[in-house]
Amino acid sequence: GGYVTLSHRWVQPITEECSTIGRNLEARLQGRGFENLPRIFTDAILLCFHLKIRYIWIDALCIVQDDDNTHS
């Protein structure tokens, strides 16, 4: 299946507040903690839903932002 990626400009502190980090990773993996996403994220997710695209990659959500092993 296909997927969509969202390329976006980070807006401080909004994007940081909704990012996946070590302390909320377990909740994210269980599908929790997505209540306060920025509008750009929710709009992209809804667009994918309406286009019947099952997967979306948003770096702030899909990459653990405070994990030194995930950065080049």
N, C-alpha and C. Protein backbone atom coordinates (compact mmCIF):
# COMPACT_ATOMS: atom_id res chain seq x y z
N GLY A 1 0.80 -1.20 0.00
CA GLY A 1 0.00 0.00 0.00
C GLY A 1 0.84 1.25 0.00
N GLY A 2 0.23 2.28 -0.50
CA GLY A 2 0.90 3.57 -0.56
C GLY A 2 0.79 4.34 0.74
N TYR A 3 1.51 5.43 0.79
CA TYR A 3 1.45 6.30 1.95
C TYR A 3 1.73 7.73 1.52
N VAL A 4 1.45 8.65 2.40
CA VAL A 4 1.68 10.07 2.18
C VAL A 4 2.66 10.54 3.24
N THR A 5 3.51 11.51 2.88
CA THR A 5 4.37 12.15 3.86
C THR A 5 3.97 13.60 3.98
N LEU A 6 4.06 14.12 5.18
CA LEU A 6 3.77 15.53 5.41
C LEU A 6 5.08 16.24 5.68
N SER A 7 5.42 17.15 4.80
CA SER A 7 6.57 18.02 4.99
C SER A 7 6.03 19.35 5.49
N HIS A 8 6.52 19.80 6.61
CA HIS A 8 5.95 20.99 7.22
C HIS A 8 7.04 21.82 7.89
N ARG A 9 6.73 23.05 8.14
CA ARG A 9 7.62 23.95 8.86
C ARG A 9 7.34 23.79 10.35
N TRP A 10 8.38 23.56 11.13
CA TRP A 10 8.21 23.42 12.58
C TRP A 10 7.89 24.78 13.16
N VAL A 11 6.84 24.84 13.93
CA VAL A 11 6.44 26.06 14.61
C VAL A 11 6.63 25.84 16.11
N GLN A 12 7.56 26.57 16.69
CA GLN A 12 7.84 26.42 18.12
C GLN A 12 6.81 27.20 18.92
N PRO A 13 6.31 26.79 20.03
CA PRO A 13 6.50 25.47 20.64
C PRO A 13 5.42 24.48 20.22
N ILE A 14 4.55 24.85 19.28
CA ILE A 14 3.41 24.00 18.93
C ILE A 14 3.84 22.62 18.48
N THR A 15 4.78 22.54 17.54
CA THR A 15 5.19 21.24 17.03
C THR A 15 5.91 20.44 18.11
N GLU A 16 6.74 21.11 18.91
CA GLU A 16 7.44 20.40 19.99
C GLU A 16 6.47 19.79 20.98
N GLU A 17 5.39 20.49 21.30
CA GLU A 17 4.42 20.00 22.27
C GLU A 17 3.71 18.73 21.81
N CYS A 18 3.56 18.56 20.52
CA CYS A 18 2.84 17.38 20.02
C CYS A 18 3.77 16.30 19.51
N SER A 19 5.07 16.51 19.57
CA SER A 19 6.04 15.55 19.06
C SER A 19 6.07 14.28 19.90
N THR A 20 6.50 13.20 19.25
CA THR A 20 6.74 11.96 19.97
C THR A 20 8.11 12.05 20.62
N ILE A 21 8.15 11.84 21.92
CA ILE A 21 9.40 11.84 22.68
C ILE A 21 9.40 10.62 23.58
N GLY A 22 10.51 10.37 24.22
CA GLY A 22 10.65 9.17 25.03
C GLY A 22 9.54 8.99 26.06
N ARG A 23 9.14 10.07 26.71
CA ARG A 23 8.16 9.91 27.80
C ARG A 23 6.74 9.67 27.31
N ASN A 24 6.43 9.94 26.04
CA ASN A 24 5.07 9.65 25.55
C ASN A 24 5.06 8.55 24.48
N LEU A 25 6.19 7.93 24.25
CA LEU A 25 6.30 6.92 23.20
C LEU A 25 5.34 5.74 23.44
N GLU A 26 5.29 5.22 24.64
CA GLU A 26 4.44 4.06 24.91
C GLU A 26 2.97 4.40 24.64
N ALA A 27 2.54 5.58 25.05
CA ALA A 27 1.15 6.00 24.80
C ALA A 27 0.90 6.11 23.30
N ARG A 28 1.85 6.68 22.55
CA ARG A 28 1.70 6.79 21.10
C ARG A 28 1.56 5.41 20.46
N LEU A 29 2.39 4.48 20.89
CA LEU A 29 2.35 3.13 20.33
C LEU A 29 1.02 2.44 20.60
N GLN A 30 0.33 2.87 21.65
CA GLN A 30 -0.98 2.31 21.99
C GLN A 30 -2.12 3.15 21.42
N GLY A 31 -1.78 4.15 20.58
CA GLY A 31 -2.80 4.97 19.93
C GLY A 31 -3.38 6.06 20.81
N ARG A 32 -2.67 6.40 21.88
CA ARG A 32 -3.13 7.47 22.77
C ARG A 32 -2.23 8.68 22.66
N GLY A 33 -2.73 9.83 23.12
CA GLY A 33 -1.91 11.03 23.17
C GLY A 33 -1.91 11.86 21.90
N PHE A 34 -2.93 11.70 21.09
CA PHE A 34 -3.02 12.45 19.85
C PHE A 34 -4.13 13.50 19.88
N GLU A 35 -4.57 13.87 21.08
CA GLU A 35 -5.73 14.75 21.21
C GLU A 35 -5.46 16.19 20.78
N ASN A 36 -4.24 16.68 20.92
CA ASN A 36 -3.95 18.09 20.68
C ASN A 36 -2.99 18.32 19.52
N LEU A 37 -3.21 17.62 18.43
CA LEU A 37 -2.34 17.80 17.27
C LEU A 37 -2.61 19.14 16.60
N PRO A 38 -1.57 19.73 16.01
CA PRO A 38 -1.78 20.97 15.26
C PRO A 38 -2.74 20.74 14.09
N ARG A 39 -3.39 21.77 13.67
CA ARG A 39 -4.38 21.66 12.59
C ARG A 39 -3.78 21.10 11.30
N ILE A 40 -2.55 21.46 10.99
CA ILE A 40 -1.92 20.95 9.77
C ILE A 40 -1.85 19.42 9.81
N PHE A 41 -1.59 18.85 10.98
CA PHE A 41 -1.52 17.39 11.11
C PHE A 41 -2.92 16.78 10.94
N THR A 42 -3.89 17.33 11.65
CA THR A 42 -5.24 16.75 11.57
C THR A 42 -5.84 16.91 10.17
N ASP A 43 -5.58 18.04 9.52
CA ASP A 43 -6.07 18.22 8.15
C ASP A 43 -5.45 17.18 7.21
N ALA A 44 -4.15 16.94 7.36
CA ALA A 44 -3.48 15.95 6.51
C ALA A 44 -4.02 14.54 6.77
N ILE A 45 -4.26 14.22 8.03
CA ILE A 45 -4.81 12.90 8.38
C ILE A 45 -6.21 12.74 7.79
N LEU A 46 -7.04 13.77 7.92
CA LEU A 46 -8.39 13.71 7.37
C LEU A 46 -8.38 13.60 5.85
N LEU A 47 -7.48 14.31 5.20
CA LEU A 47 -7.36 14.21 3.74
C LEU A 47 -7.01 12.79 3.33
N CYS A 48 -6.06 12.18 4.02
CA CYS A 48 -5.70 10.79 3.72
C CYS A 48 -6.90 9.87 3.91
N PHE A 49 -7.65 10.10 4.97
CA PHE A 49 -8.84 9.28 5.22
C PHE A 49 -9.82 9.40 4.06
N HIS A 50 -10.07 10.62 3.62
CA HIS A 50 -11.03 10.82 2.53
C HIS A 50 -10.52 10.27 1.19
N LEU A 51 -9.21 10.26 1.02
CA LEU A 51 -8.63 9.71 -0.21
C LEU A 51 -8.39 8.20 -0.11
N LYS A 52 -8.78 7.64 1.03
CA LYS A 52 -8.61 6.20 1.29
C LYS A 52 -7.14 5.77 1.26
N ILE A 53 -6.28 6.65 1.75
CA ILE A 53 -4.85 6.35 1.92
C ILE A 53 -4.66 5.97 3.39
N ARG A 54 -4.19 4.78 3.61
CA ARG A 54 -4.17 4.23 4.97
C ARG A 54 -3.04 4.78 5.84
N TYR A 55 -1.92 5.14 5.26
CA TYR A 55 -0.75 5.52 6.05
C TYR A 55 -0.30 6.94 5.74
N ILE A 56 0.14 7.64 6.80
CA ILE A 56 0.74 8.96 6.65
C ILE A 56 1.97 9.03 7.55
N TRP A 57 3.04 9.59 7.03
CA TRP A 57 4.29 9.76 7.78
C TRP A 57 4.43 11.23 8.12
N ILE A 58 4.41 11.53 9.41
CA ILE A 58 4.66 12.89 9.90
C ILE A 58 5.87 12.78 10.81
N ASP A 59 6.98 13.40 10.42
CA ASP A 59 8.24 13.18 11.13
C ASP A 59 8.13 13.47 12.62
N ALA A 60 7.44 14.51 13.01
CA ALA A 60 7.32 14.86 14.43
C ALA A 60 6.62 13.76 15.23
N LEU A 61 5.80 12.97 14.56
CA LEU A 61 5.08 11.89 15.23
C LEU A 61 5.78 10.55 15.07
N CYS A 62 6.39 10.31 13.92
CA CYS A 62 6.93 9.00 13.59
C CYS A 62 8.38 8.79 14.04
N ILE A 63 9.09 9.87 14.33
CA ILE A 63 10.47 9.78 14.79
C ILE A 63 10.50 10.25 16.24
N VAL A 64 11.08 9.44 17.12
CA VAL A 64 11.21 9.85 18.52
C VAL A 64 12.22 11.01 18.56
N GLN A 65 11.74 12.19 18.86
CA GLN A 65 12.52 13.41 18.69
C GLN A 65 13.67 13.58 19.68
N ASP A 66 13.60 12.96 20.83
CA ASP A 66 14.69 13.12 21.80
C ASP A 66 15.56 11.87 21.92
N ASP A 67 15.54 11.00 20.92
CA ASP A 67 16.34 9.79 20.91
C ASP A 67 17.57 10.03 20.06
N ASP A 68 18.74 10.07 20.68
CA ASP A 68 19.99 10.34 19.95
C ASP A 68 20.29 9.28 18.91
N ASN A 69 19.74 8.09 19.03
CA ASN A 69 19.98 7.02 18.06
C ASN A 69 19.21 7.21 16.76
N THR A 70 18.24 8.14 16.71
CA THR A 70 17.45 8.33 15.50
C THR A 70 17.95 9.50 14.67
N HIS A 71 18.96 10.20 15.14
CA HIS A 71 19.47 11.35 14.40
C HIS A 71 20.78 11.01 13.72
N SER A 72 20.99 11.58 12.55
CA SER A 72 22.23 11.32 11.80
C SER A 72 23.33 12.20 12.31
